[in-house]
Amino acid sequence: MRLITPSDVPILERIRLEDEFFSQPFMMSYSGLNKLLFSPVLFHQHYILKQRDDVVDKPMVEGKLLHCLLLNPEDFDKEFVLMSSDMPSDGPRKVLDKIYELMKQDGKSEFDGTFVTYILDVLKEQNLYQSLKTDEQRIDKMTSDKNIKYLDYKFQAEKKTVVDQDMYDFAKNTVDIIKSNSSLMKLMGFDQDSLTTSVKQYNELDLVCLEFEDYFFGIRGIIDNLVIDHDAKVIRVNDLKKSSKSIGQFEESIEYYNYWMQAALYRLLINHIKETTFGVDYPVEFRFIVVDPYMQVAPIRISEETMEDWTLKLNDQLDIANYHFKERDFSLPYKFLKGEHVL
């Protein structure tokens, strides 16, 4: 078995995929923009060549689970499967997730307990257990009962996300904390009377704008929680974040993960469509609803001045993305394409 690399895509197939990609409108999301700015090559592989190799780590799973239990609890059984035992730790689980993908690519529709032939290549790719002296030791590490049960659950669940009891309990308890906070419930529009029409709440709302300025792409955002408050004459956007650090360190995460770009993109999108979609021209307030590992939950409102700064920065990033699309050049980051980069 040999792992597929981008160079394995024949030139004619690459041309076909590129022509197909550019023949239809592309909706630029926060995740797509973030990937493009980080590495145009990765963006090209993921979105254009469709070589999608995203690994979902534990914090992302926890965040997805929290979103579901708070915003769309009725969808839990559609999206998740609950394991009866502990999940493997992050490193082995990423390896097992990749092995599962490869087994599916090879046409396996159910788990028969054998996956040894995939282990060594994926361990090398993920740089895991490489300090062990022999391949036998590496294989022994990966063929534990816990790992075998996890792979079996993956096949049983198919497109569902596997979570363990601890992850579920954490998310469920956090949701209970949020629901017990009356001010949070009001901010997120959960406390409205069913007969009240002055406040309208939307959860996991998918918004798109096909034509945006002079860009070669549209804009898309899936808003966690959007509230149209006709009494206060304001639109509130609440983005739920599960942080791996304490809530006091969340400002660092805003910069590290470019959450500022997500916030500015959402507000830009809503400002552009709010009159045609919602029939109002209210100002937009943006908040991160942050959950930390200690179940501390707090709303963090972004000031108008900060949002204006973020919007200016976002416009610069969108212009860079537009350059890549206009030139159809994803070989290097923008600053290197434009000339020699000097430190």
C-alpha atoms as a PDB file:
ATOM      1  CA  MET A   1       0.000   0.000   0.000  1.00  0.00           C
ATOM      2  CA  ARG A   2       1.225   3.496  -0.844  1.00  0.00           C
ATOM      3  CA  LEU A   3      -0.240   6.763   0.397  1.00  0.00           C
ATOM      4  CA  ILE A   4      -1.532   9.153  -2.280  1.00  0.00           C
ATOM      5  CA  THR A   5       0.279  12.477  -2.680  1.00  0.00           C
ATOM      6  CA  PRO A   6      -0.676  15.540  -4.774  1.00  0.00           C
ATOM      7  CA  SER A   7       1.924  14.661  -7.403  1.00  0.00           C
ATOM      8  CA  ASP A   8       0.065  11.395  -8.003  1.00  0.00           C
ATOM      9  CA  VAL A   9      -2.772  13.284  -9.721  1.00  0.00           C
ATOM     10  CA  PRO A  10      -2.144  13.034 -13.489  1.00  0.00           C
ATOM     11  CA  ILE A  11      -1.769  16.349 -15.282  1.00  0.00           C
ATOM     12  CA  LEU A  12      -4.915  15.877 -17.396  1.00  0.00           C
ATOM     13  CA  GLU A  13      -6.928  15.060 -14.288  1.00  0.00           C
ATOM     14  CA  ARG A  14      -5.533  18.149 -12.546  1.00  0.00           C
ATOM     15  CA  ILE A  15      -6.568  20.312 -15.515  1.00  0.00           C
ATOM     16  CA  ARG A  16     -10.036  18.755 -15.521  1.00  0.00           C
ATOM     17  CA  LEU A  17     -10.500  19.363 -11.807  1.00  0.00           C
ATOM     18  CA  GLU A  18      -9.243  22.941 -12.055  1.00  0.00           C
ATOM     19  CA  ASP A  19     -11.547  23.708 -14.995  1.00  0.00           C
ATOM     20  CA  GLU A  20     -14.448  22.176 -13.091  1.00  0.00           C
ATOM     21  CA  PHE A  21     -13.663  24.215  -9.975  1.00  0.00           C
ATOM     22  CA  PHE A  22     -13.424  27.559 -11.777  1.00  0.00           C
ATOM     23  CA  SER A  23     -16.512  26.903 -13.917  1.00  0.00           C
ATOM     24  CA  GLN A  24     -18.837  27.280 -10.940  1.00  0.00           C
ATOM     25  CA  PRO A  25     -19.153  29.847  -8.138  1.00  0.00           C
ATOM     26  CA  PHE A  26     -17.060  29.195  -5.041  1.00  0.00           C
ATOM     27  CA  MET A  27     -18.377  30.235  -1.630  1.00  0.00           C
ATOM     28  CA  MET A  28     -15.485  31.453   0.520  1.00  0.00           C
ATOM     29  CA  SER A  29     -15.949  30.547   4.183  1.00  0.00           C
ATOM     30  CA  TYR A  30     -13.802  31.395   7.181  1.00  0.00           C
ATOM     31  CA  SER A  31     -12.212  27.925   7.105  1.00  0.00           C
ATOM     32  CA  GLY A  32     -11.504  28.160   3.379  1.00  0.00           C
ATOM     33  CA  LEU A  33      -9.995  31.638   3.672  1.00  0.00           C
ATOM     34  CA  ASN A  34      -7.931  30.583   6.662  1.00  0.00           C
ATOM     35  CA  LYS A  35      -6.561  27.579   4.756  1.00  0.00           C
ATOM     36  CA  LEU A  36      -5.813  29.665   1.657  1.00  0.00           C
ATOM     37  CA  LEU A  37      -3.883  32.296   3.616  1.00  0.00           C
ATOM     38  CA  PHE A  38      -1.977  29.663   5.595  1.00  0.00           C
ATOM     39  CA  SER A  39      -1.039  27.577   2.555  1.00  0.00           C
ATOM     40  CA  PRO A  40      -2.379  28.101  -0.976  1.00  0.00           C
ATOM     41  CA  VAL A  41      -1.029  24.640  -1.846  1.00  0.00           C
ATOM     42  CA  LEU A  42      -3.185  23.018   0.850  1.00  0.00           C
ATOM     43  CA  PHE A  43      -6.188  25.026  -0.335  1.00  0.00           C
ATOM     44  CA  HIS A  44      -5.564  23.829  -3.898  1.00  0.00           C
ATOM     45  CA  GLN A  45      -5.307  20.212  -2.772  1.00  0.00           C
ATOM     46  CA  HIS A  46      -8.397  20.351  -0.573  1.00  0.00           C
ATOM     47  CA  TYR A  47     -10.872  22.409  -2.588  1.00  0.00           C
ATOM     48  CA  ILE A  48      -9.678  22.103  -6.184  1.00  0.00           C
ATOM     49  CA  LEU A  49      -8.056  18.660  -6.405  1.00  0.00           C
ATOM     50  CA  LYS A  50     -10.496  17.323  -3.765  1.00  0.00           C
ATOM     51  CA  GLN A  51      -7.693  15.599  -1.848  1.00  0.00           C
ATOM     52  CA  ARG A  52      -9.359  16.202   1.479  1.00  0.00           C
ATOM     53  CA  ASP A  53      -7.243  15.045   4.373  1.00  0.00           C
ATOM     54  CA  ASP A  54      -8.632  17.072   7.263  1.00  0.00           C
ATOM     55  CA  VAL A  55      -8.028  15.455  10.651  1.00  0.00           C
ATOM     56  CA  VAL A  56     -10.626  16.200  13.303  1.00  0.00           C
ATOM     57  CA  ASP A  57      -8.942  16.463  16.703  1.00  0.00           C
ATOM     58  CA  LYS A  58     -10.552  16.146  20.110  1.00  0.00           C
ATOM     59  CA  PRO A  59     -11.188  19.897  20.728  1.00  0.00           C
ATOM     60  CA  MET A  60     -12.982  20.121  17.382  1.00  0.00           C
ATOM     61  CA  VAL A  61     -15.144  17.107  18.250  1.00  0.00           C
ATOM     62  CA  GLU A  62     -15.933  18.612  21.667  1.00  0.00           C
ATOM     63  CA  GLY A  63     -16.908  21.892  20.044  1.00  0.00           C
ATOM     64  CA  LYS A  64     -19.130  20.171  17.485  1.00  0.00           C
ATOM     65  CA  LEU A  65     -20.803  18.137  20.231  1.00  0.00           C
ATOM     66  CA  LEU A  66     -21.398  21.237  22.350  1.00  0.00           C
ATOM     67  CA  HIS A  67     -22.936  23.045  19.381  1.00  0.00           C
ATOM     68  CA  CYS A  68     -25.272  20.139  18.725  1.00  0.00           C
ATOM     69  CA  LEU A  69     -26.485  19.676  22.303  1.00  0.00           C
ATOM     70  CA  LEU A  70     -27.128  23.392  22.775  1.00  0.00           C
ATOM     71  CA  LEU A  71     -28.381  24.498  19.371  1.00  0.00           C
ATOM     72  CA  ASN A  72     -29.794  21.359  17.727  1.00  0.00           C
ATOM     73  CA  PRO A  73     -30.185  18.609  20.363  1.00  0.00           C
ATOM     74  CA  GLU A  74     -32.670  16.752  18.180  1.00  0.00           C
ATOM     75  CA  ASP A  75     -29.848  16.025  15.697  1.00  0.00           C
ATOM     76  CA  PHE A  76     -27.586  14.190  18.173  1.00  0.00           C
ATOM     77  CA  ASP A  77     -28.444  10.681  16.936  1.00  0.00           C
ATOM     78  CA  LYS A  78     -27.940  11.775  13.331  1.00  0.00           C
ATOM     79  CA  GLU A  79     -24.478  13.217  13.922  1.00  0.00           C
ATOM     80  CA  PHE A  80     -22.925  11.248  16.797  1.00  0.00           C
ATOM     81  CA  VAL A  81     -22.469   7.769  18.166  1.00  0.00           C
ATOM     82  CA  LEU A  82     -21.631   7.281  21.848  1.00  0.00           C
ATOM     83  CA  MET A  83     -18.852   4.805  22.650  1.00  0.00           C
ATOM     84  CA  SER A  84     -19.272   2.462  25.581  1.00  0.00           C
ATOM     85  CA  SER A  85     -15.590   2.786  26.530  1.00  0.00           C
ATOM     86  CA  ASP A  86     -12.868   5.438  26.504  1.00  0.00           C
ATOM     87  CA  MET A  87     -11.620   6.747  23.198  1.00  0.00           C
ATOM     88  CA  PRO A  88      -7.955   6.387  22.181  1.00  0.00           C
ATOM     89  CA  SER A  89      -5.770   9.393  22.916  1.00  0.00           C
ATOM     90  CA  ASP A  90      -5.308  12.061  20.245  1.00  0.00           C
ATOM     91  CA  GLY A  91      -2.219  10.590  18.517  1.00  0.00           C
ATOM     92  CA  PRO A  92      -3.477   7.032  17.991  1.00  0.00           C
ATOM     93  CA  ARG A  93      -6.971   8.288  17.181  1.00  0.00           C
ATOM     94  CA  LYS A  94      -5.683  10.432  14.309  1.00  0.00           C
ATOM     95  CA  VAL A  95      -3.854   7.376  12.974  1.00  0.00           C
ATOM     96  CA  LEU A  96      -6.997   5.254  13.289  1.00  0.00           C
ATOM     97  CA  ASP A  97      -9.101   7.921  11.564  1.00  0.00           C
ATOM     98  CA  LYS A  98      -6.675   7.889   8.632  1.00  0.00           C
ATOM     99  CA  ILE A  99      -6.642   4.072   8.541  1.00  0.00           C
ATOM    100  CA  TYR A 100     -10.441   4.121   8.466  1.00  0.00           C
ATOM    101  CA  GLU A 101     -10.389   6.478   5.456  1.00  0.00           C
ATOM    102  CA  LEU A 102      -7.919   4.248   3.617  1.00  0.00           C
ATOM    103  CA  MET A 103      -9.936   1.113   4.355  1.00  0.00           C
ATOM    104  CA  LYS A 104     -13.049   2.807   2.989  1.00  0.00           C
ATOM    105  CA  GLN A 105     -11.124   3.857  -0.123  1.00  0.00           C
ATOM    106  CA  ASP A 106     -10.148   0.215  -0.585  1.00  0.00           C
ATOM    107  CA  GLY A 107     -13.811  -0.740  -0.619  1.00  0.00           C
ATOM    108  CA  LYS A 108     -14.205  -2.116   2.907  1.00  0.00           C
ATOM    109  CA  SER A 109     -17.765  -1.597   4.124  1.00  0.00           C
ATOM    110  CA  GLU A 110     -17.385  -3.326   7.487  1.00  0.00           C
ATOM    111  CA  PHE A 111     -14.626  -3.960   9.991  1.00  0.00           C
ATOM    112  CA  ASP A 112     -13.325  -7.541  10.112  1.00  0.00           C
ATOM    113  CA  GLY A 113     -10.700  -6.873  12.779  1.00  0.00           C
ATOM    114  CA  THR A 114      -7.721  -6.727  10.422  1.00  0.00           C
ATOM    115  CA  PHE A 115      -5.937  -3.465   9.695  1.00  0.00           C
ATOM    116  CA  VAL A 116      -2.270  -4.340  10.240  1.00  0.00           C
ATOM    117  CA  THR A 117      -1.303  -3.709   6.598  1.00  0.00           C
ATOM    118  CA  TYR A 118      -2.185  -0.023   6.980  1.00  0.00           C
ATOM    119  CA  ILE A 119      -0.509   0.678  10.307  1.00  0.00           C
ATOM    120  CA  LEU A 120       3.158   1.242   9.515  1.00  0.00           C
ATOM    121  CA  ASP A 121       2.650   3.655   6.599  1.00  0.00           C
ATOM    122  CA  VAL A 122       0.173   5.794   8.525  1.00  0.00           C
ATOM    123  CA  LEU A 123       2.311   5.822  11.679  1.00  0.00           C
ATOM    124  CA  LYS A 124       5.220   7.081   9.595  1.00  0.00           C
ATOM    125  CA  GLU A 125       3.047   9.731   7.943  1.00  0.00           C
ATOM    126  CA  GLN A 126       1.756  10.935  11.332  1.00  0.00           C
ATOM    127  CA  ASN A 127       5.226  10.621  12.905  1.00  0.00           C
ATOM    128  CA  LEU A 128       3.905   8.506  15.769  1.00  0.00           C
ATOM    129  CA  TYR A 129       5.809   5.779  17.660  1.00  0.00           C
ATOM    130  CA  GLN A 130       8.825   6.273  15.402  1.00  0.00           C
ATOM    131  CA  SER A 131      11.134   6.173  18.427  1.00  0.00           C
ATOM    132  CA  LEU A 132      10.248   2.509  18.981  1.00  0.00           C
ATOM    133  CA  LYS A 133      12.930   0.134  17.714  1.00  0.00           C
ATOM    134  CA  THR A 134      10.885  -2.385  15.726  1.00  0.00           C
ATOM    135  CA  ASP A 135       7.816  -2.486  13.522  1.00  0.00           C
ATOM    136  CA  GLU A 136       6.419  -5.234  15.731  1.00  0.00           C
ATOM    137  CA  GLN A 137       6.427  -2.849  18.698  1.00  0.00           C
ATOM    138  CA  ARG A 138       4.633  -0.191  16.643  1.00  0.00           C
ATOM    139  CA  ILE A 139       2.011  -2.673  15.513  1.00  0.00           C
ATOM    140  CA  ASP A 140       1.491  -3.911  19.077  1.00  0.00           C
ATOM    141  CA  LYS A 141       0.882  -0.326  20.196  1.00  0.00           C
ATOM    142  CA  MET A 142      -1.852   0.139  17.603  1.00  0.00           C
ATOM    143  CA  THR A 143      -3.639  -3.203  17.940  1.00  0.00           C
ATOM    144  CA  SER A 144      -4.911  -2.721  21.485  1.00  0.00           C
ATOM    145  CA  ASP A 145      -8.483  -3.650  22.373  1.00  0.00           C
ATOM    146  CA  LYS A 146      -9.363   0.044  22.748  1.00  0.00           C
ATOM    147  CA  ASN A 147      -8.121   0.855  19.242  1.00  0.00           C
ATOM    148  CA  ILE A 148      -9.898  -2.127  17.707  1.00  0.00           C
ATOM    149  CA  LYS A 149     -13.168  -1.113  19.386  1.00  0.00           C
ATOM    150  CA  TYR A 150     -12.739   2.432  18.097  1.00  0.00           C
ATOM    151  CA  LEU A 151     -12.313   1.292  14.487  1.00  0.00           C
ATOM    152  CA  ASP A 152     -15.309  -0.984  14.838  1.00  0.00           C
ATOM    153  CA  TYR A 153     -17.375   1.983  16.070  1.00  0.00           C
ATOM    154  CA  LYS A 154     -16.189   4.040  13.098  1.00  0.00           C
ATOM    155  CA  PHE A 155     -17.575   1.489  10.678  1.00  0.00           C
ATOM    156  CA  GLN A 156     -20.789   1.171  12.644  1.00  0.00           C
ATOM    157  CA  ALA A 157     -21.245   4.922  12.770  1.00  0.00           C
ATOM    158  CA  GLU A 158     -20.213   5.583   9.146  1.00  0.00           C
ATOM    159  CA  LYS A 159     -20.612   9.357   8.742  1.00  0.00           C
ATOM    160  CA  LYS A 160     -21.330   9.969  12.406  1.00  0.00           C
ATOM    161  CA  THR A 161     -18.767  11.327  14.870  1.00  0.00           C
ATOM    162  CA  VAL A 162     -17.646   8.974  17.641  1.00  0.00           C
ATOM    163  CA  VAL A 163     -17.610  10.421  21.182  1.00  0.00           C
ATOM    164  CA  ASP A 164     -16.964   8.855  24.561  1.00  0.00           C
ATOM    165  CA  GLN A 165     -18.983   9.208  27.750  1.00  0.00           C
ATOM    166  CA  ASP A 166     -16.641  11.804  29.290  1.00  0.00           C
ATOM    167  CA  MET A 167     -16.932  14.063  26.255  1.00  0.00           C
ATOM    168  CA  TYR A 168     -20.698  13.718  26.247  1.00  0.00           C
ATOM    169  CA  ASP A 169     -20.986  14.412  29.978  1.00  0.00           C
ATOM    170  CA  PHE A 170     -18.794  17.517  29.703  1.00  0.00           C
ATOM    171  CA  ALA A 171     -20.870  18.923  26.844  1.00  0.00           C
ATOM    172  CA  LYS A 172     -24.176  18.057  28.519  1.00  0.00           C
ATOM    173  CA  ASN A 173     -23.143  19.654  31.831  1.00  0.00           C
ATOM    174  CA  THR A 174     -21.882  22.757  30.026  1.00  0.00           C
ATOM    175  CA  VAL A 175     -25.178  23.103  28.184  1.00  0.00           C
ATOM    176  CA  ASP A 176     -26.962  22.882  31.537  1.00  0.00           C
ATOM    177  CA  ILE A 177     -24.747  25.689  32.862  1.00  0.00           C
ATOM    178  CA  ILE A 178     -25.544  27.858  29.843  1.00  0.00           C
ATOM    179  CA  LYS A 179     -29.270  27.194  30.165  1.00  0.00           C
ATOM    180  CA  SER A 180     -29.187  28.138  33.845  1.00  0.00           C
ATOM    181  CA  ASN A 181     -27.705  31.545  32.983  1.00  0.00           C
ATOM    182  CA  SER A 182     -30.646  33.844  32.286  1.00  0.00           C
ATOM    183  CA  SER A 183     -28.537  36.626  30.756  1.00  0.00           C
ATOM    184  CA  LEU A 184     -26.947  34.200  28.300  1.00  0.00           C
ATOM    185  CA  MET A 185     -30.330  32.763  27.422  1.00  0.00           C
ATOM    186  CA  LYS A 186     -31.620  36.260  26.689  1.00  0.00           C
ATOM    187  CA  LEU A 187     -28.593  37.146  24.560  1.00  0.00           C
ATOM    188  CA  MET A 188     -29.055  33.983  22.512  1.00  0.00           C
ATOM    189  CA  GLY A 189     -32.813  34.364  22.173  1.00  0.00           C
ATOM    190  CA  PHE A 190     -33.706  31.190  24.065  1.00  0.00           C
ATOM    191  CA  ASP A 191     -35.945  32.848  26.645  1.00  0.00           C
ATOM    192  CA  GLN A 192     -38.565  34.219  24.254  1.00  0.00           C
ATOM    193  CA  ASP A 193     -42.203  33.251  24.579  1.00  0.00           C
ATOM    194  CA  SER A 194     -43.483  31.128  21.726  1.00  0.00           C
ATOM    195  CA  LEU A 195     -46.102  33.793  20.984  1.00  0.00           C
ATOM    196  CA  THR A 196     -43.637  36.688  21.051  1.00  0.00           C
ATOM    197  CA  THR A 197     -42.691  38.013  17.637  1.00  0.00           C
ATOM    198  CA  SER A 198     -40.357  40.831  18.728  1.00  0.00           C
ATOM    199  CA  VAL A 199     -37.353  38.481  18.958  1.00  0.00           C
ATOM    200  CA  LYS A 200     -36.450  36.016  16.217  1.00  0.00           C
ATOM    201  CA  GLN A 201     -33.808  33.344  16.782  1.00  0.00           C
ATOM    202  CA  TYR A 202     -31.897  31.320  14.166  1.00  0.00           C
ATOM    203  CA  ASN A 203     -29.447  28.495  14.949  1.00  0.00           C
ATOM    204  CA  GLU A 204     -26.836  27.070  12.565  1.00  0.00           C
ATOM    205  CA  LEU A 205     -28.033  29.499   9.899  1.00  0.00           C
ATOM    206  CA  ASP A 206     -26.320  29.060   6.522  1.00  0.00           C
ATOM    207  CA  LEU A 207     -25.982  32.435   4.774  1.00  0.00           C
ATOM    208  CA  VAL A 208     -24.482  33.025   1.329  1.00  0.00           C
ATOM    209  CA  CYS A 209     -23.836  36.005  -0.886  1.00  0.00           C
ATOM    210  CA  LEU A 210     -23.036  35.043  -4.487  1.00  0.00           C
ATOM    211  CA  GLU A 211     -21.892  38.454  -5.703  1.00  0.00           C
ATOM    212  CA  PHE A 212     -19.623  40.309  -3.333  1.00  0.00           C
ATOM    213  CA  GLU A 213     -17.716  43.407  -4.433  1.00  0.00           C
ATOM    214  CA  ASP A 214     -15.303  42.515  -7.275  1.00  0.00           C
ATOM    215  CA  TYR A 215     -14.269  39.139  -5.896  1.00  0.00           C
ATOM    216  CA  PHE A 216     -13.996  35.993  -7.993  1.00  0.00           C
ATOM    217  CA  PHE A 217     -15.870  34.134  -5.266  1.00  0.00           C
ATOM    218  CA  GLY A 218     -18.907  34.535  -3.043  1.00  0.00           C
ATOM    219  CA  ILE A 219     -19.058  34.655   0.746  1.00  0.00           C
ATOM    220  CA  ARG A 220     -20.568  32.013   2.998  1.00  0.00           C
ATOM    221  CA  GLY A 221     -21.017  31.714   6.740  1.00  0.00           C
ATOM    222  CA  ILE A 222     -22.836  29.254   8.994  1.00  0.00           C
ATOM    223  CA  ILE A 223     -23.897  31.368  11.965  1.00  0.00           C
ATOM    224  CA  ASP A 224     -24.122  29.481  15.266  1.00  0.00           C
ATOM    225  CA  ASN A 225     -26.747  31.720  16.798  1.00  0.00           C
ATOM    226  CA  LEU A 226     -28.340  34.807  15.265  1.00  0.00           C
ATOM    227  CA  VAL A 227     -30.959  36.900  17.026  1.00  0.00           C
ATOM    228  CA  ILE A 228     -33.048  39.634  15.432  1.00  0.00           C
ATOM    229  CA  ASP A 229     -34.191  41.750  18.392  1.00  0.00           C
ATOM    230  CA  HIS A 230     -36.881  44.154  17.205  1.00  0.00           C
ATOM    231  CA  ASP A 231     -37.332  45.645  20.687  1.00  0.00           C
ATOM    232  CA  ALA A 232     -33.663  46.640  21.000  1.00  0.00           C
ATOM    233  CA  LYS A 233     -33.388  47.152  17.221  1.00  0.00           C
ATOM    234  CA  VAL A 234     -30.195  45.143  17.005  1.00  0.00           C
ATOM    235  CA  ILE A 235     -28.914  41.961  15.350  1.00  0.00           C
ATOM    236  CA  ARG A 236     -26.884  39.779  17.709  1.00  0.00           C
ATOM    237  CA  VAL A 237     -24.416  37.228  16.347  1.00  0.00           C
ATOM    238  CA  ASN A 238     -23.217  34.716  18.946  1.00  0.00           C
ATOM    239  CA  ASP A 239     -20.424  32.321  18.034  1.00  0.00           C
ATOM    240  CA  LEU A 240     -19.935  29.401  20.430  1.00  0.00           C
ATOM    241  CA  LYS A 241     -16.281  28.502  21.053  1.00  0.00           C
ATOM    242  CA  LYS A 242     -14.929  25.554  23.028  1.00  0.00           C
ATOM    243  CA  SER A 243     -11.484  26.685  24.169  1.00  0.00           C
ATOM    244  CA  SER A 244      -8.684  24.336  25.196  1.00  0.00           C
ATOM    245  CA  LYS A 245      -7.293  27.091  27.452  1.00  0.00           C
ATOM    246  CA  SER A 246      -8.789  28.982  30.379  1.00  0.00           C
ATOM    247  CA  ILE A 247     -11.275  31.676  29.504  1.00  0.00           C
ATOM    248  CA  GLY A 248      -8.803  34.396  30.492  1.00  0.00           C
ATOM    249  CA  GLN A 249      -6.491  33.308  27.672  1.00  0.00           C
ATOM    250  CA  PHE A 250      -9.114  33.378  24.934  1.00  0.00           C
ATOM    251  CA  GLU A 251      -7.768  36.622  23.500  1.00  0.00           C
ATOM    252  CA  GLU A 252      -4.636  34.684  22.512  1.00  0.00           C
ATOM    253  CA  SER A 253      -6.811  32.135  20.694  1.00  0.00           C
ATOM    254  CA  ILE A 254      -8.491  34.921  18.715  1.00  0.00           C
ATOM    255  CA  GLU A 255      -5.155  35.761  17.149  1.00  0.00           C
ATOM    256  CA  TYR A 256      -3.738  32.229  16.948  1.00  0.00           C
ATOM    257  CA  TYR A 257      -6.768  30.743  15.164  1.00  0.00           C
ATOM    258  CA  ASN A 258      -7.708  33.945  13.314  1.00  0.00           C
ATOM    259  CA  TYR A 259     -11.112  34.013  14.995  1.00  0.00           C
ATOM    260  CA  TRP A 260     -11.089  37.755  14.370  1.00  0.00           C
ATOM    261  CA  MET A 261     -11.331  36.965  10.653  1.00  0.00           C
ATOM    262  CA  GLN A 262     -14.362  34.749  11.233  1.00  0.00           C
ATOM    263  CA  ALA A 263     -16.105  37.468  13.253  1.00  0.00           C
ATOM    264  CA  ALA A 264     -15.426  40.149  10.627  1.00  0.00           C
ATOM    265  CA  LEU A 265     -16.509  37.833   7.803  1.00  0.00           C
ATOM    266  CA  TYR A 266     -19.826  37.064   9.520  1.00  0.00           C
ATOM    267  CA  ARG A 267     -20.575  40.720  10.154  1.00  0.00           C
ATOM    268  CA  LEU A 268     -19.585  41.686   6.615  1.00  0.00           C
ATOM    269  CA  LEU A 269     -21.928  39.026   5.243  1.00  0.00           C
ATOM    270  CA  ILE A 270     -24.847  40.000   7.489  1.00  0.00           C
ATOM    271  CA  ASN A 271     -24.429  43.708   6.799  1.00  0.00           C
ATOM    272  CA  HIS A 272     -24.552  42.936   3.083  1.00  0.00           C
ATOM    273  CA  ILE A 273     -27.787  40.918   3.190  1.00  0.00           C
ATOM    274  CA  LYS A 274     -29.654  42.021   6.325  1.00  0.00           C
ATOM    275  CA  GLU A 275     -32.159  44.262   4.557  1.00  0.00           C
ATOM    276  CA  THR A 276     -32.999  41.790   1.787  1.00  0.00           C
ATOM    277  CA  THR A 277     -32.927  38.680   4.010  1.00  0.00           C
ATOM    278  CA  PHE A 278     -34.292  39.963   7.331  1.00  0.00           C
ATOM    279  CA  GLY A 279     -36.014  43.163   6.259  1.00  0.00           C
ATOM    280  CA  VAL A 280     -34.167  45.330   8.804  1.00  0.00           C
ATOM    281  CA  ASP A 281     -31.189  47.661   8.877  1.00  0.00           C
ATOM    282  CA  TYR A 282     -30.185  47.168  12.516  1.00  0.00           C
ATOM    283  CA  PRO A 283     -26.560  47.368  13.680  1.00  0.00           C
ATOM    284  CA  VAL A 284     -24.794  44.041  14.252  1.00  0.00           C
ATOM    285  CA  GLU A 285     -23.355  43.067  17.640  1.00  0.00           C
ATOM    286  CA  PHE A 286     -20.879  40.187  17.715  1.00  0.00           C
ATOM    287  CA  ARG A 287     -20.048  38.006  20.721  1.00  0.00           C
ATOM    288  CA  PHE A 288     -17.990  34.906  21.305  1.00  0.00           C
ATOM    289  CA  ILE A 289     -19.693  32.603  23.804  1.00  0.00           C
ATOM    290  CA  VAL A 290     -16.600  30.954  25.269  1.00  0.00           C
ATOM    291  CA  VAL A 291     -16.495  27.631  27.112  1.00  0.00           C
ATOM    292  CA  ASP A 292     -13.212  26.625  28.734  1.00  0.00           C
ATOM    293  CA  PRO A 293     -12.013  23.234  30.076  1.00  0.00           C
ATOM    294  CA  TYR A 294     -13.245  24.149  33.579  1.00  0.00           C
ATOM    295  CA  MET A 295     -16.822  24.716  32.385  1.00  0.00           C
ATOM    296  CA  GLN A 296     -16.471  28.447  32.779  1.00  0.00           C
ATOM    297  CA  VAL A 297     -18.814  30.102  30.274  1.00  0.00           C
ATOM    298  CA  ALA A 298     -18.883  33.786  29.378  1.00  0.00           C
ATOM    299  CA  PRO A 299     -19.938  36.034  26.485  1.00  0.00           C
ATOM    300  CA  ILE A 300     -17.171  38.224  25.087  1.00  0.00           C
ATOM    301  CA  ARG A 301     -18.543  41.158  23.117  1.00  0.00           C
ATOM    302  CA  ILE A 302     -16.407  42.681  20.386  1.00  0.00           C
ATOM    303  CA  SER A 303     -16.457  46.476  20.424  1.00  0.00           C
ATOM    304  CA  GLU A 304     -17.371  48.487  17.354  1.00  0.00           C
ATOM    305  CA  GLU A 305     -13.855  49.931  17.147  1.00  0.00           C
ATOM    306  CA  THR A 306     -12.268  46.487  17.283  1.00  0.00           C
ATOM    307  CA  MET A 307     -14.684  45.146  14.691  1.00  0.00           C
ATOM    308  CA  GLU A 308     -13.890  48.033  12.354  1.00  0.00           C
ATOM    309  CA  ASP A 309     -10.177  47.231  12.684  1.00  0.00           C
ATOM    310  CA  TRP A 310     -10.881  43.551  12.016  1.00  0.00           C
ATOM    311  CA  THR A 311     -12.989  44.456   8.977  1.00  0.00           C
ATOM    312  CA  LEU A 312     -10.147  46.482   7.474  1.00  0.00           C
ATOM    313  CA  LYS A 313      -7.768  43.559   8.067  1.00  0.00           C
ATOM    314  CA  LEU A 314     -10.306  41.157   6.553  1.00  0.00           C
ATOM    315  CA  ASN A 315     -10.612  43.277   3.408  1.00  0.00           C
ATOM    316  CA  ASP A 316      -6.854  42.979   2.931  1.00  0.00           C
ATOM    317  CA  GLN A 317      -7.043  39.199   3.317  1.00  0.00           C
ATOM    318  CA  LEU A 318      -9.949  38.946   0.872  1.00  0.00           C
ATOM    319  CA  ASP A 319      -7.945  40.970  -1.649  1.00  0.00           C
ATOM    320  CA  ILE A 320      -5.084  38.488  -1.277  1.00  0.00           C
ATOM    321  CA  ALA A 321      -7.471  35.567  -1.782  1.00  0.00           C
ATOM    322  CA  ASN A 322      -8.899  37.340  -4.826  1.00  0.00           C
ATOM    323  CA  TYR A 323      -5.408  37.622  -6.322  1.00  0.00           C
ATOM    324  CA  HIS A 324      -4.923  33.847  -6.070  1.00  0.00           C
ATOM    325  CA  PHE A 325      -8.283  33.266  -7.785  1.00  0.00           C
ATOM    326  CA  LYS A 326      -7.722  35.890 -10.471  1.00  0.00           C
ATOM    327  CA  GLU A 327      -4.275  34.537 -11.365  1.00  0.00           C
ATOM    328  CA  ARG A 328      -5.247  30.910 -10.613  1.00  0.00           C
ATOM    329  CA  ASP A 329      -1.925  30.631  -8.853  1.00  0.00           C
ATOM    330  CA  PHE A 330      -1.830  28.643  -5.607  1.00  0.00           C
ATOM    331  CA  SER A 331       1.838  27.722  -5.691  1.00  0.00           C
ATOM    332  CA  LEU A 332       3.010  30.072  -2.908  1.00  0.00           C
ATOM    333  CA  PRO A 333       1.634  32.516  -0.334  1.00  0.00           C
ATOM    334  CA  TYR A 334       0.888  35.954  -1.742  1.00  0.00           C
ATOM    335  CA  LYS A 335       3.914  37.758  -0.301  1.00  0.00           C
ATOM    336  CA  PHE A 336       6.249  35.284  -2.012  1.00  0.00           C
ATOM    337  CA  LEU A 337       4.392  35.415  -5.318  1.00  0.00           C
ATOM    338  CA  LYS A 338       4.705  39.199  -5.448  1.00  0.00           C
ATOM    339  CA  GLY A 339       8.465  39.221  -5.159  1.00  0.00           C
ATOM    340  CA  GLU A 340      11.489  38.365  -3.070  1.00  0.00           C
ATOM    341  CA  HIS A 341      10.595  38.234   0.620  1.00  0.00           C
ATOM    342  CA  VAL A 342      13.224  39.826   2.845  1.00  0.00           C
ATOM    343  CA  LEU A 343      13.488  39.370   6.616  1.00  0.00           C
END
